[in-house]
Amino acid sequence: EGNYTTAYVNLCNSSYLDVLSLIETYETKTWITQNAQDQETLNLFKPAYELWKKFVESDCEWQYSYFRYGSVRGYKYLSCSISHHEKRIDLIHSLNVR
C-alpha cells in the first residue's frame, strides 16, 4: 500500500492526461464557437493555439530527453504536459464563463 511503481504512476498520469486533453479540446471548441463573430481575434487565436501545442510538445520533449536514461523520464514528460494542460484549461475556461 502506498508503494507505487514508476509504471503504475505513468499509467495513472497517462489516463489523467487523456482526460485533460479531452477537456482542453472541449473548452477550446467552446471558446471558438462563442467567439465566432470576432474574426480578428479568431485569426490571432488559431495560430497561437497551434503554437501552444507545439510548445507543449517541445517543452516536454526536452525534459524527457534530459532524463532519457532514468526511470523518471516518462513521469517527467507526463507531468510537464499535465501542467501545461491544466493551465490552458484554467485560462480558456475562465474566458468561457465570463
C-alpha atoms as a PDB file:
ATOM      1  CA  GLU A   1       0.000   0.000   0.000  1.00  0.00           C
ATOM      2  CA  GLY A   2       1.250   3.422  -0.937  1.00  0.00           C
ATOM      3  CA  ASN A   3       4.230   1.894  -2.747  1.00  0.00           C
ATOM      4  CA  TYR A   4       3.660   2.621  -6.424  1.00  0.00           C
ATOM      5  CA  THR A   5       5.960   1.647  -9.262  1.00  0.00           C
ATOM      6  CA  THR A   6       7.001   4.094 -11.949  1.00  0.00           C
ATOM      7  CA  ALA A   7       4.924   2.114 -14.451  1.00  0.00           C
ATOM      8  CA  TYR A   8       1.811   2.434 -12.285  1.00  0.00           C
ATOM      9  CA  VAL A   9       2.325   6.181 -11.802  1.00  0.00           C
ATOM     10  CA  ASN A  10       2.865   6.626 -15.551  1.00  0.00           C
ATOM     11  CA  LEU A  11      -0.319   4.704 -16.298  1.00  0.00           C
ATOM     12  CA  CYS A  12      -2.316   6.915 -13.948  1.00  0.00           C
ATOM     13  CA  ASN A  13      -0.737  10.100 -15.290  1.00  0.00           C
ATOM     14  CA  SER A  14      -1.322   8.988 -18.868  1.00  0.00           C
ATOM     15  CA  SER A  15      -5.009   8.411 -18.152  1.00  0.00           C
ATOM     16  CA  TYR A  16      -5.261  11.777 -16.417  1.00  0.00           C
ATOM     17  CA  LEU A  17      -3.598  13.490 -19.389  1.00  0.00           C
ATOM     18  CA  ASP A  18      -6.095  11.807 -21.730  1.00  0.00           C
ATOM     19  CA  VAL A  19      -8.929  13.329 -19.707  1.00  0.00           C
ATOM     20  CA  LEU A  20      -7.252  16.742 -19.638  1.00  0.00           C
ATOM     21  CA  SER A  21      -6.786  16.614 -23.414  1.00  0.00           C
ATOM     22  CA  LEU A  22     -10.497  15.994 -23.867  1.00  0.00           C
ATOM     23  CA  ILE A  23     -11.379  18.869 -21.531  1.00  0.00           C
ATOM     24  CA  GLU A  24      -8.897  21.200 -23.235  1.00  0.00           C
ATOM     25  CA  THR A  25     -10.364  20.360 -26.652  1.00  0.00           C
ATOM     26  CA  TYR A  26     -13.899  20.940 -25.375  1.00  0.00           C
ATOM     27  CA  GLU A  27     -13.013  24.280 -23.762  1.00  0.00           C
ATOM     28  CA  THR A  28     -11.163  25.413 -26.895  1.00  0.00           C
ATOM     29  CA  LYS A  29     -14.035  24.474 -29.219  1.00  0.00           C
ATOM     30  CA  THR A  30     -16.481  26.183 -26.873  1.00  0.00           C
ATOM     31  CA  TRP A  31     -14.374  29.347 -26.901  1.00  0.00           C
ATOM     32  CA  ILE A  32     -14.141  29.299 -30.707  1.00  0.00           C
ATOM     33  CA  THR A  33     -17.917  28.854 -31.008  1.00  0.00           C
ATOM     34  CA  GLN A  34     -18.632  31.649 -28.531  1.00  0.00           C
ATOM     35  CA  ASN A  35     -16.312  33.992 -30.412  1.00  0.00           C
ATOM     36  CA  ALA A  36     -17.218  33.046 -33.964  1.00  0.00           C
ATOM     37  CA  GLN A  37     -18.338  36.612 -34.711  1.00  0.00           C
ATOM     38  CA  ASP A  38     -14.917  38.069 -33.804  1.00  0.00           C
ATOM     39  CA  GLN A  39     -12.829  37.124 -36.837  1.00  0.00           C
ATOM     40  CA  GLU A  40      -9.938  39.387 -35.871  1.00  0.00           C
ATOM     41  CA  THR A  41      -9.453  37.591 -32.567  1.00  0.00           C
ATOM     42  CA  LEU A  42     -10.060  34.153 -34.110  1.00  0.00           C
ATOM     43  CA  ASN A  43      -7.427  34.837 -36.750  1.00  0.00           C
ATOM     44  CA  LEU A  44      -4.955  35.501 -33.938  1.00  0.00           C
ATOM     45  CA  PHE A  45      -6.175  32.705 -31.679  1.00  0.00           C
ATOM     46  CA  LYS A  46      -5.925  29.848 -34.162  1.00  0.00           C
ATOM     47  CA  PRO A  47      -2.202  30.171 -34.973  1.00  0.00           C
ATOM     48  CA  ALA A  48      -1.465  30.898 -31.312  1.00  0.00           C
ATOM     49  CA  TYR A  49      -3.271  27.675 -30.383  1.00  0.00           C
ATOM     50  CA  GLU A  50      -1.202  25.666 -32.865  1.00  0.00           C
ATOM     51  CA  LEU A  51       1.970  27.257 -31.491  1.00  0.00           C
ATOM     52  CA  TRP A  52       0.885  26.430 -27.926  1.00  0.00           C
ATOM     53  CA  LYS A  53       0.503  22.754 -28.877  1.00  0.00           C
ATOM     54  CA  LYS A  54       3.956  22.720 -30.482  1.00  0.00           C
ATOM     55  CA  PHE A  55       5.422  24.495 -27.451  1.00  0.00           C
ATOM     56  CA  VAL A  56       3.971  21.936 -25.039  1.00  0.00           C
ATOM     57  CA  GLU A  57       5.358  19.079 -27.106  1.00  0.00           C
ATOM     58  CA  SER A  58       8.825  20.680 -27.382  1.00  0.00           C
ATOM     59  CA  ASP A  59       8.957  21.769 -23.755  1.00  0.00           C
ATOM     60  CA  CYS A  60       8.090  18.304 -22.512  1.00  0.00           C
ATOM     61  CA  GLU A  61      10.318  16.508 -25.012  1.00  0.00           C
ATOM     62  CA  TRP A  62      13.452  18.314 -23.881  1.00  0.00           C
ATOM     63  CA  GLN A  63      12.647  17.354 -20.298  1.00  0.00           C
ATOM     64  CA  TYR A  64      12.099  13.738 -21.350  1.00  0.00           C
ATOM     65  CA  SER A  65      15.410  13.819 -23.224  1.00  0.00           C
ATOM     66  CA  TYR A  66      17.260  15.187 -20.217  1.00  0.00           C
ATOM     67  CA  PHE A  67      16.059  12.229 -18.129  1.00  0.00           C
ATOM     68  CA  ARG A  68      16.096   9.705 -21.009  1.00  0.00           C
ATOM     69  CA  TYR A  69      18.338   7.231 -19.162  1.00  0.00           C
ATOM     70  CA  GLY A  70      16.364   7.348 -15.928  1.00  0.00           C
ATOM     71  CA  SER A  71      13.183   5.627 -14.898  1.00  0.00           C
ATOM     72  CA  VAL A  72      11.527   9.019 -14.293  1.00  0.00           C
ATOM     73  CA  ARG A  73      11.659  10.104 -17.955  1.00  0.00           C
ATOM     74  CA  GLY A  74       8.035   9.162 -18.627  1.00  0.00           C
ATOM     75  CA  TYR A  75       6.907  10.781 -15.408  1.00  0.00           C
ATOM     76  CA  LYS A  76       8.742  13.989 -16.332  1.00  0.00           C
ATOM     77  CA  TYR A  77       7.129  14.114 -19.767  1.00  0.00           C
ATOM     78  CA  LEU A  78       3.642  13.406 -18.472  1.00  0.00           C
ATOM     79  CA  SER A  79       3.839  15.788 -15.516  1.00  0.00           C
ATOM     80  CA  CYS A  80       5.103  18.541 -17.836  1.00  0.00           C
ATOM     81  CA  SER A  81       2.220  18.006 -20.252  1.00  0.00           C
ATOM     82  CA  ILE A  82      -0.301  17.770 -17.416  1.00  0.00           C
ATOM     83  CA  SER A  83       0.903  21.082 -16.012  1.00  0.00           C
ATOM     84  CA  HIS A  84       0.575  22.837 -19.378  1.00  0.00           C
ATOM     85  CA  HIS A  85      -2.900  21.394 -19.979  1.00  0.00           C
ATOM     86  CA  GLU A  86      -4.159  22.361 -16.519  1.00  0.00           C
ATOM     87  CA  LYS A  87      -3.013  25.955 -17.028  1.00  0.00           C
ATOM     88  CA  ARG A  88      -4.534  26.117 -20.506  1.00  0.00           C
ATOM     89  CA  ILE A  89      -7.859  24.721 -19.285  1.00  0.00           C
ATOM     90  CA  ASP A  90      -7.956  27.260 -16.449  1.00  0.00           C
ATOM     91  CA  LEU A  91      -7.335  30.105 -18.884  1.00  0.00           C
ATOM     92  CA  ILE A  92      -9.812  29.098 -21.586  1.00  0.00           C
ATOM     93  CA  HIS A  93     -12.484  28.022 -19.096  1.00  0.00           C
ATOM     94  CA  SER A  94     -12.256  31.392 -17.334  1.00  0.00           C
ATOM     95  CA  LEU A  95     -12.916  33.087 -20.678  1.00  0.00           C
ATOM     96  CA  ASN A  96     -15.823  30.762 -21.432  1.00  0.00           C
ATOM     97  CA  VAL A  97     -17.696  31.525 -18.211  1.00  0.00           C
ATOM     98  CA  ARG A  98     -17.236  35.283 -18.052  1.00  0.00           C
END
